[in-house]
Amino acid sequence: MKLKLIPYNLILKNTTIIAIVVASGLFLAATVHGQEADASTSTVPSGQVLISTMAGDVQIMHKGTETWEPAASGATLIEGDTVKTFDDGRVEIEFSTGSSITLKENTTFVIIQVTQSEENPDESTIKTDLAMGRIKAVIERMGHKSSFEVRTPTAVASVRGTVYFMNVLPETGGMLADDSQGAGAVEDLFTEIFVDDGTVDFTNTITDDSYPVDEDEGSASYDDGRVLEPTVVPEDKQSEFKAGFDLPAQKKEEKKEEKKDKKKKEAKKDPAKQTPKK
C-alpha cells in the first residue's frame, strides 16, 4: 500500500480511526532515552488511581451503577469507573506508577485494568479507554514488563514512557485529519496524535501500517486503513494540542517554579543574594 504525505493545511474530516501506539511484547510503542522512573516514588498508593486535581463539572459513574455523581479531588477510582468532563470540566487522573492522564472538557474516560506488583512496583499493567474527547498523557518510563494502554473505540495507544496528546473526535473536529478522501458520516470519529516528548510507534490496526512518530511530530489514522506519514506539527498546531490542559493547582506550581528560577537567576547576577555556604 502506497502512503501519500498529506500536508497539514489539508488536514481535517474523515472517518473513524484505528491507531495503535504499541510498546509491549514484540511491539515497541514509545522509546524515550534515559533511566526508568522509580514507581515507588509516586504519592499514590500502590495499585491505586486517584483524581489529583480538577476544575468545573466533572462526574463519575462507578462500576455497576448507572448514575453520575459529582467528582472530588482525592477520590479513588477503581476498575470499571467512568470519568466524564462536561463543557467547563477538566481533571487530572494520577496513577501509582507516577503516570497521569489529563482530560479536557467533553471527554469520557474509563479505567479498565490497574495492576501493580507489590514486590516490584515497576512492574505494572494499566488499561484505560478513551471513548471521546481530548487527553494529555504523561507516561513515566517503565520496565519491559510494564505497559500503559489508552484505548479508543477503534484504537489503542500502548507506551512505556512518553508525553503525547491524543484526540478522539468527530470528523470535523480534528487538527490532523485528511480531507483528500472526502468527508465521512457525521457520527464517524478519527484519532490523531501529537508527540511532545519521546518517540511513539503509530500503527493502524486494519493494515498494520506503522510509522515512528518522533518528538514534535503528529499523525492520524483511519478505519479505511490509512495512516498519515508523520511530519513536524507547526507551532500553532502544537499550541492547539497543548491548550486548555492546565488546572488551577498546576498553574500555582508553575508560578512557584517560575519564582524559584527567577531567584536563581537573580542570585547568579548578584552574589550578595546567594545563600552563604556553611
Protein backbone atom coordinates (compact mmCIF):
# COMPACT_ATOMS: atom_id res chain seq x y z
CA MET A 1 0.00 0.00 0.00
CA LYS A 2 1.47 3.31 -1.03
CA LEU A 3 1.02 6.05 1.52
CA LYS A 4 0.84 9.67 0.49
CA LEU A 5 2.12 12.51 2.65
CA ILE A 6 -0.74 14.87 3.40
CA PRO A 7 0.17 18.50 4.17
CA TYR A 8 -1.24 19.73 7.45
CA ASN A 9 -3.09 22.56 5.79
CA LEU A 10 -5.28 19.92 4.08
CA ILE A 11 -5.97 18.00 7.26
CA LEU A 12 -9.49 17.57 8.68
CA LYS A 13 -12.54 15.41 8.02
CA ASN A 14 -12.86 11.68 7.64
CA THR A 15 -13.90 8.50 9.26
CA THR A 16 -13.39 6.52 12.41
CA ILE A 17 -9.79 5.78 13.01
CA ILE A 18 -7.84 2.99 14.20
CA ALA A 19 -4.46 3.82 15.53
CA ILE A 20 -2.11 1.88 17.62
CA VAL A 21 0.88 3.08 19.53
CA VAL A 22 2.45 -0.18 20.57
CA ALA A 23 5.09 -0.79 23.20
CA SER A 24 4.77 -4.20 24.76
CA GLY A 25 5.73 -7.72 23.78
CA LEU A 26 7.18 -7.62 20.27
CA PHE A 27 5.93 -4.09 19.59
CA LEU A 28 7.77 -1.01 20.83
CA ALA A 29 5.31 1.81 21.38
CA ALA A 30 7.39 4.54 22.83
CA THR A 31 11.11 4.88 23.21
CA VAL A 32 12.49 7.58 25.43
CA HIS A 33 16.18 7.73 26.22
CA GLY A 34 17.06 7.92 29.87
CA GLN A 35 16.64 5.98 33.08
CA GLU A 36 13.45 4.24 34.08
CA ALA A 37 11.34 6.04 36.63
CA ASP A 38 11.00 4.60 40.11
CA ALA A 39 7.28 3.94 40.55
CA SER A 40 7.75 3.64 44.31
CA THR A 41 8.30 7.41 44.50
CA SER A 42 4.69 8.10 43.44
CA THR A 43 2.48 9.72 46.09
CA VAL A 44 -0.45 7.49 45.01
CA PRO A 45 -0.68 4.17 46.96
CA SER A 46 0.42 1.10 45.02
CA GLY A 47 -2.14 -0.15 42.51
CA GLN A 48 -4.48 2.80 43.02
CA VAL A 49 -5.82 5.59 40.82
CA LEU A 50 -6.79 9.00 42.17
CA ILE A 51 -8.32 12.22 40.94
CA SER A 52 -5.49 14.56 41.84
CA THR A 53 -6.80 17.88 40.53
CA MET A 54 -9.99 19.06 38.87
CA ALA A 55 -11.94 22.12 37.83
CA GLY A 56 -15.50 22.68 36.63
CA ASP A 57 -18.12 19.97 36.09
CA VAL A 58 -16.56 16.50 36.42
CA GLN A 59 -18.64 13.43 37.22
CA ILE A 60 -18.05 9.75 37.95
CA MET A 61 -20.16 6.71 37.14
CA HIS A 62 -18.94 3.97 39.47
CA LYS A 63 -18.72 0.37 38.30
CA GLY A 64 -22.06 -1.43 38.49
CA THR A 65 -24.14 1.76 38.63
CA GLU A 66 -25.96 3.84 36.03
CA THR A 67 -25.92 7.19 37.78
CA TRP A 68 -23.44 10.05 37.60
CA GLU A 69 -22.06 11.56 40.80
CA PRO A 70 -20.01 14.76 41.25
CA ALA A 71 -16.29 14.03 41.38
CA ALA A 72 -13.94 15.41 44.02
CA SER A 73 -10.19 15.86 44.28
CA GLY A 74 -8.65 12.93 46.11
CA ALA A 75 -11.39 10.49 45.06
CA THR A 76 -10.25 6.93 44.40
CA LEU A 77 -11.10 5.29 41.09
CA ILE A 78 -11.40 1.54 40.59
CA GLU A 79 -11.59 -0.73 37.58
CA GLY A 80 -14.83 -0.12 35.71
CA ASP A 81 -15.27 3.51 36.84
CA THR A 82 -16.03 6.12 34.18
CA VAL A 83 -14.96 9.76 34.45
CA LYS A 84 -16.72 12.37 32.34
CA THR A 85 -15.97 16.05 31.93
CA PHE A 86 -18.62 18.46 30.74
CA ASP A 87 -18.43 21.85 28.98
CA ASP A 88 -16.26 23.53 31.63
CA GLY A 89 -14.73 20.42 33.18
CA ARG A 90 -11.08 19.37 33.36
CA VAL A 91 -9.46 16.72 35.51
CA GLU A 92 -6.10 15.09 36.12
CA ILE A 93 -6.07 11.39 36.92
CA GLU A 94 -2.91 10.10 38.61
CA PHE A 95 -1.72 6.50 38.73
CA SER A 96 0.51 4.83 41.31
CA THR A 97 3.15 4.34 38.60
CA GLY A 98 3.68 8.11 38.53
CA SER A 99 1.91 8.49 35.18
CA SER A 100 -1.05 10.80 34.67
CA ILE A 101 -3.84 11.45 32.20
CA THR A 102 -5.44 14.89 31.95
CA LEU A 103 -8.90 15.20 30.40
CA LYS A 104 -10.17 18.33 28.72
CA GLU A 105 -13.84 19.27 28.51
CA ASN A 106 -16.42 16.90 26.98
CA THR A 107 -14.25 13.83 27.43
CA THR A 108 -15.27 10.34 28.57
CA PHE A 109 -12.59 8.12 30.10
CA VAL A 110 -12.84 4.63 31.66
CA ILE A 111 -10.49 2.76 33.99
CA ILE A 112 -10.32 -0.78 32.61
CA GLN A 113 -7.49 -2.50 34.48
CA VAL A 114 -4.89 -1.47 37.05
CA THR A 115 -2.43 -3.99 38.44
CA GLN A 116 0.93 -3.36 40.08
CA SER A 117 3.36 -5.81 41.65
CA GLU A 118 3.79 -5.30 45.39
CA GLU A 119 7.23 -6.92 45.26
CA ASN A 120 8.36 -4.81 42.29
CA PRO A 121 6.33 -1.58 41.83
CA ASP A 122 7.99 -1.03 38.45
CA GLU A 123 6.01 -3.98 37.07
CA SER A 124 2.50 -2.83 36.20
CA THR A 125 -0.31 -3.17 33.68
CA ILE A 126 -2.70 -0.30 33.10
CA LYS A 127 -5.52 -0.30 30.55
CA THR A 128 -7.92 2.58 30.01
CA ASP A 129 -10.50 3.61 27.44
CA LEU A 130 -10.96 6.98 25.76
CA ALA A 131 -14.46 6.93 24.29
CA MET A 132 -14.46 10.56 23.15
CA GLY A 133 -12.57 13.76 23.73
CA ARG A 134 -9.03 15.02 24.24
CA ILE A 135 -6.33 13.87 26.63
CA LYS A 136 -2.76 14.63 27.58
CA ALA A 137 -0.82 11.53 28.58
CA VAL A 138 2.33 11.81 30.66
CA ILE A 139 3.59 8.23 30.88
CA GLU A 140 6.59 7.63 33.11
CA ARG A 141 9.33 5.37 31.82
CA MET A 142 8.61 1.80 32.87
CA GLY A 143 10.31 -1.57 32.78
CA HIS A 144 9.91 -4.03 29.91
CA LYS A 145 7.33 -5.97 31.95
CA SER A 146 5.06 -2.93 32.26
CA SER A 147 2.58 -1.37 29.86
CA PHE A 148 0.16 1.54 29.77
CA GLU A 149 -2.69 1.43 27.26
CA VAL A 150 -5.21 4.05 26.23
CA ARG A 151 -7.89 2.58 24.00
CA THR A 152 -10.34 4.40 21.76
CA PRO A 153 -13.42 2.91 20.03
CA THR A 154 -11.09 1.76 17.24
CA ALA A 155 -7.55 2.20 18.54
CA VAL A 156 -5.05 1.54 21.28
CA ALA A 157 -2.05 3.55 22.39
CA SER A 158 0.39 1.48 24.42
CA VAL A 159 3.59 3.07 25.70
CA ARG A 160 6.32 2.78 28.32
CA GLY A 161 7.41 6.38 28.57
CA THR A 162 6.49 9.50 26.65
CA VAL A 163 4.36 12.63 26.63
CA TYR A 164 1.70 12.75 23.96
CA PHE A 165 -1.68 14.25 23.18
CA MET A 166 -4.43 12.12 21.66
CA ASN A 167 -7.85 13.14 20.41
CA VAL A 168 -10.91 11.08 19.52
CA LEU A 169 -13.21 13.48 17.69
CA PRO A 170 -15.92 13.76 15.07
CA GLU A 171 -14.50 14.10 11.58
CA THR A 172 -15.00 17.87 11.62
CA GLY A 173 -13.23 18.42 14.93
CA GLY A 174 -9.64 17.37 14.37
CA MET A 175 -6.44 19.22 13.60
CA LEU A 176 -4.65 16.46 11.68
CA ALA A 177 -7.45 14.94 9.60
CA ASP A 178 -7.09 14.25 5.89
CA ASP A 179 -9.91 15.70 3.77
CA SER A 180 -8.50 14.47 0.46
CA GLN A 181 -10.78 11.40 0.51
CA GLY A 182 -13.96 13.36 1.23
CA ALA A 183 -16.00 13.54 4.41
CA GLY A 184 -17.42 10.51 6.15
CA ALA A 185 -20.66 10.25 8.10
CA VAL A 186 -21.36 12.82 10.79
CA GLU A 187 -21.08 10.18 13.53
CA ASP A 188 -17.70 8.96 12.29
CA LEU A 189 -14.68 9.53 14.53
CA PHE A 190 -10.98 9.66 13.88
CA THR A 191 -7.94 9.58 16.17
CA GLU A 192 -4.97 11.92 15.99
CA ILE A 193 -1.74 12.03 17.97
CA PHE A 194 0.94 14.62 18.65
CA VAL A 195 4.14 13.57 20.44
CA ASP A 196 5.62 16.23 22.69
CA ASP A 197 8.46 14.14 24.10
CA GLY A 198 9.97 10.81 23.10
CA THR A 199 9.08 8.54 20.18
CA VAL A 200 5.87 6.58 19.55
CA ASP A 201 5.20 3.83 17.02
CA PHE A 202 1.83 4.73 15.49
CA THR A 203 0.12 1.75 13.85
CA ASN A 204 -3.15 1.31 12.00
CA THR A 205 -4.99 -1.78 13.30
CA ILE A 206 -6.53 -2.68 9.93
CA THR A 207 -3.43 -2.68 7.72
CA ASP A 208 -0.74 -2.77 10.42
CA ASP A 209 0.92 0.11 8.58
CA SER A 210 3.09 1.90 11.08
CA TYR A 211 5.29 4.94 11.46
CA PRO A 212 7.53 6.05 14.31
CA VAL A 213 6.27 9.47 15.42
CA ASP A 214 9.11 11.47 16.91
CA GLU A 215 9.13 14.49 19.17
CA ASP A 216 7.24 17.48 17.68
CA GLU A 217 5.61 15.24 15.05
CA GLY A 218 1.99 14.22 14.55
CA SER A 219 -0.04 11.66 12.65
CA ALA A 220 -3.60 10.43 12.18
CA SER A 221 -5.16 7.07 11.33
CA TYR A 222 -8.48 5.94 9.81
CA ASP A 223 -10.79 2.94 9.64
CA ASP A 224 -10.11 2.52 5.92
CA GLY A 225 -6.53 1.55 6.74
CA ARG A 226 -4.84 4.86 6.05
CA VAL A 227 -2.28 6.35 8.40
CA LEU A 228 -0.67 9.68 7.69
CA GLU A 229 3.08 9.83 7.35
CA PRO A 230 4.34 11.83 10.34
CA THR A 231 5.55 15.34 9.76
CA VAL A 232 6.57 18.12 12.10
CA VAL A 233 3.48 19.79 13.52
CA PRO A 234 3.58 23.57 13.02
CA GLU A 235 3.97 25.56 16.22
CA ASP A 236 0.45 26.98 16.03
CA LYS A 237 -0.99 23.45 15.79
CA GLN A 238 1.23 22.29 18.65
CA SER A 239 -0.19 25.10 20.75
CA GLU A 240 -3.73 23.98 19.86
CA PHE A 241 -2.97 20.43 21.00
CA LYS A 242 -1.50 21.67 24.29
CA ALA A 243 -4.03 24.40 25.06
CA GLY A 244 -6.51 24.07 27.92
CA PHE A 245 -4.90 21.30 29.96
CA ASP A 246 -3.58 23.45 32.81
CA LEU A 247 -5.52 23.15 36.05
CA PRO A 248 -5.55 25.71 38.91
CA ALA A 249 -3.17 23.73 41.14
CA GLN A 250 -0.83 23.16 38.22
CA LYS A 251 -0.74 26.87 37.46
CA LYS A 252 0.19 27.61 41.08
CA GLU A 253 3.03 25.10 40.92
CA GLU A 254 4.22 26.61 37.66
CA LYS A 255 4.26 30.07 39.26
CA LYS A 256 6.27 28.70 42.21
CA GLU A 257 8.79 27.18 39.82
CA GLU A 258 8.97 30.44 37.87
CA LYS A 259 9.68 32.34 41.11
CA LYS A 260 12.40 29.83 42.05
CA ASP A 261 14.01 30.16 38.63
CA LYS A 262 13.83 33.95 38.87
CA LYS A 263 15.52 33.93 42.29
CA LYS A 264 18.26 31.64 40.99
CA LYS A 265 18.92 33.93 38.03
CA GLU A 266 18.97 36.98 40.30
CA ALA A 267 21.37 35.25 42.71
CA LYS A 268 23.75 34.47 39.88
CA LYS A 269 23.75 38.12 38.84
CA ASP A 270 24.08 39.44 42.41
CA PRO A 271 26.46 37.41 44.64
CA ALA A 272 25.08 39.19 47.72
CA LYS A 273 21.76 37.36 47.23
CA GLN A 274 23.33 33.94 47.14
CA THR A 275 22.81 31.64 50.11
CA PRO A 276 26.07 31.52 52.08
CA LYS A 277 27.79 28.14 52.18
CA LYS A 278 28.29 26.58 55.60
